[in-house]
Amino acid sequence: MIINYSTMHRAMHNSVRWTTEEQNSLLYTMRGPWNWEAVNEMLIIGDELMGSVDHPVDVILDIHDVGNMLGPGFLVHSRRIFTSVRPNCSGRLVLMQPDSMLRSVHTLLDRAFSTIFSQIYVQYAETLDHALLLLDMAGDGHISVS
């Protein structure tokens, strides 16, 4: 059974759900203008889901149409998020966003927190199917180009 937890917070719709029956990857979806309180709610739900299984879990982050990602406290919150992941988080992250803004943010975080990001394998995908294919290929030990 796929579990889907959703929260509505102001004009933003967030959801966290398993992508497969095997519960090997979580999809975090953010839509609309965002704030840190809503992001924290999603992280709590994702942490609970990830903690309910004993195997490694991949993460897919779909942030189409979230607007400006570099809000107040961005670096402080980002550091907290990436240093407080569950032990069974696989370290594989697929980012879904259609423009180059996300790659710029990833570059900024990689430079600011190189020690943390050296342990995270980040790829980019246009669709959920593409993201799942990239994770499947990474899990099989295949080298892939995103």
Protein backbone atom coordinates (compact mmCIF):
# COMPACT_ATOMS: atom_id res chain seq x y z
CA MET A 1 0.00 0.00 0.00
CA ILE A 2 1.35 3.43 -0.95
CA ILE A 3 0.87 5.95 1.85
CA ASN A 4 0.38 9.59 0.91
CA TYR A 5 0.48 12.32 3.51
CA SER A 6 -0.45 15.78 2.32
CA THR A 7 -0.64 19.12 4.06
CA MET A 8 -2.09 22.39 2.94
CA HIS A 9 -0.28 25.45 4.20
CA ARG A 10 -1.38 28.84 2.90
CA ALA A 11 -1.15 28.76 -0.91
CA MET A 12 1.28 25.84 -0.95
CA HIS A 13 0.42 22.21 -1.48
CA ASN A 14 2.97 19.74 -0.17
CA SER A 15 2.97 15.99 -0.16
CA VAL A 16 5.31 13.22 0.89
CA ARG A 17 4.69 9.71 -0.38
CA TRP A 18 6.31 6.42 -1.21
CA THR A 19 6.87 6.06 -4.94
CA THR A 20 6.62 2.26 -4.98
CA GLU A 21 5.04 -0.59 -3.06
CA GLU A 22 8.57 -1.62 -1.99
CA GLN A 23 8.91 1.70 -0.13
CA ASN A 24 12.43 2.32 -1.42
CA SER A 25 12.05 5.98 -2.39
CA LEU A 26 10.15 8.98 -1.08
CA LEU A 27 8.75 11.71 -3.29
CA TYR A 28 8.61 15.16 -1.67
CA THR A 29 6.40 17.48 -3.73
CA MET A 30 6.20 21.23 -3.18
CA ARG A 31 3.86 23.50 -5.13
CA GLY A 32 3.42 27.23 -4.93
CA PRO A 33 5.04 29.82 -2.69
CA TRP A 34 6.73 28.18 0.26
CA ASN A 35 7.90 28.86 3.81
CA TRP A 36 10.16 27.03 6.26
CA GLU A 37 7.31 25.98 8.55
CA ALA A 38 5.66 24.03 5.74
CA VAL A 39 9.01 22.53 4.69
CA ASN A 40 9.61 21.38 8.27
CA GLU A 41 6.18 19.71 8.36
CA MET A 42 7.09 17.76 5.23
CA LEU A 43 10.43 16.74 6.69
CA ILE A 44 8.79 15.39 9.85
CA ILE A 45 6.41 13.27 7.80
CA GLY A 46 9.23 12.05 5.55
CA ASP A 47 11.34 11.20 8.60
CA GLU A 48 8.49 9.13 10.06
CA LEU A 49 8.01 7.26 6.78
CA MET A 50 11.74 6.65 6.36
CA GLY A 51 11.94 5.44 9.96
CA SER A 52 9.20 2.88 9.33
CA VAL A 53 11.50 0.76 7.11
CA ASP A 54 14.88 -0.87 7.72
CA HIS A 55 16.35 -0.56 4.21
CA PRO A 56 18.00 2.38 2.40
CA VAL A 57 15.58 5.00 1.07
CA ASP A 58 16.22 7.31 -1.90
CA VAL A 59 14.76 10.82 -2.10
CA ILE A 60 13.09 12.57 -5.02
CA LEU A 61 12.36 16.27 -4.60
CA ASP A 62 9.81 17.78 -7.01
CA ILE A 63 9.80 21.56 -6.68
CA HIS A 64 8.13 22.76 -9.86
CA ASP A 65 6.72 26.27 -9.47
CA VAL A 66 7.96 26.98 -5.94
CA GLY A 67 9.17 30.46 -6.81
CA ASN A 68 12.21 32.01 -5.14
CA MET A 69 14.15 29.28 -3.34
CA LEU A 70 16.67 31.60 -1.71
CA GLY A 71 14.44 32.96 1.03
CA PRO A 72 15.56 34.27 4.43
CA GLY A 73 17.75 31.81 6.31
CA PHE A 74 18.22 29.55 3.29
CA LEU A 75 21.77 28.44 4.10
CA VAL A 76 21.08 27.91 7.82
CA HIS A 77 17.95 25.84 7.15
CA SER A 78 19.63 23.90 4.34
CA ARG A 79 22.53 22.92 6.55
CA ARG A 80 20.13 21.74 9.28
CA ILE A 81 18.13 19.69 6.79
CA PHE A 82 21.11 17.98 5.19
CA THR A 83 22.85 17.20 8.49
CA SER A 84 19.81 15.69 10.19
CA VAL A 85 18.87 12.90 7.77
CA ARG A 86 17.93 9.44 8.93
CA PRO A 87 20.66 6.77 8.96
CA ASN A 88 18.84 4.74 6.32
CA CYS A 89 18.72 7.62 3.84
CA SER A 90 20.64 6.23 0.86
CA GLY A 91 22.33 9.51 -0.03
CA ARG A 92 20.82 9.39 -3.51
CA LEU A 93 18.79 12.49 -4.34
CA VAL A 94 16.97 13.29 -7.57
CA LEU A 95 15.88 16.89 -8.06
CA MET A 96 12.98 17.63 -10.36
CA GLN A 97 12.68 21.21 -11.60
CA PRO A 98 12.56 22.39 -15.18
CA ASP A 99 14.86 25.42 -15.13
CA SER A 100 18.47 26.15 -14.29
CA MET A 101 17.65 27.83 -10.95
CA LEU A 102 17.84 24.50 -9.13
CA ARG A 103 21.27 23.70 -10.54
CA SER A 104 22.49 27.11 -9.34
CA VAL A 105 21.11 26.45 -5.85
CA HIS A 106 22.73 22.99 -5.84
CA THR A 107 26.08 24.55 -6.83
CA LEU A 108 25.74 27.09 -4.00
CA LEU A 109 24.98 24.38 -1.44
CA ASP A 110 27.76 22.16 -2.74
CA ARG A 111 30.27 24.96 -2.29
CA ALA A 112 28.95 26.06 1.10
CA PHE A 113 28.70 22.53 2.51
CA SER A 114 31.18 20.49 0.51
CA THR A 115 31.71 17.98 3.33
CA ILE A 116 27.99 17.21 3.49
CA PHE A 117 27.39 17.20 -0.26
CA SER A 118 30.37 14.97 -0.96
CA GLN A 119 28.25 12.19 0.60
CA ILE A 120 25.16 12.91 -1.52
CA TYR A 121 24.74 11.66 -5.08
CA VAL A 122 22.56 14.27 -6.84
CA GLN A 123 20.91 13.80 -10.22
CA TYR A 124 18.32 15.80 -12.18
CA ALA A 125 15.15 14.53 -13.83
CA GLU A 126 12.28 16.07 -15.75
CA THR A 127 9.60 13.54 -14.72
CA LEU A 128 8.94 11.07 -11.93
CA ASP A 129 9.46 8.16 -14.32
CA HIS A 130 12.86 9.57 -15.29
CA ALA A 131 13.76 10.02 -11.59
CA LEU A 132 12.83 6.43 -10.79
CA LEU A 133 14.86 5.18 -13.76
CA LEU A 134 17.92 7.13 -12.57
CA LEU A 135 17.57 5.71 -9.05
CA ASP A 136 17.09 2.20 -10.41
CA MET A 137 20.23 2.53 -12.53
CA ALA A 138 22.22 3.94 -9.58
CA GLY A 139 20.98 1.11 -7.37
CA ASP A 140 22.15 -1.44 -9.93
CA GLY A 141 25.60 0.16 -9.99
CA HIS A 142 25.18 1.61 -13.49
CA ILE A 143 26.72 4.96 -14.27
CA SER A 144 24.07 7.27 -15.66
CA VAL A 145 23.95 10.72 -17.14
CA SER A 146 21.04 12.85 -15.94
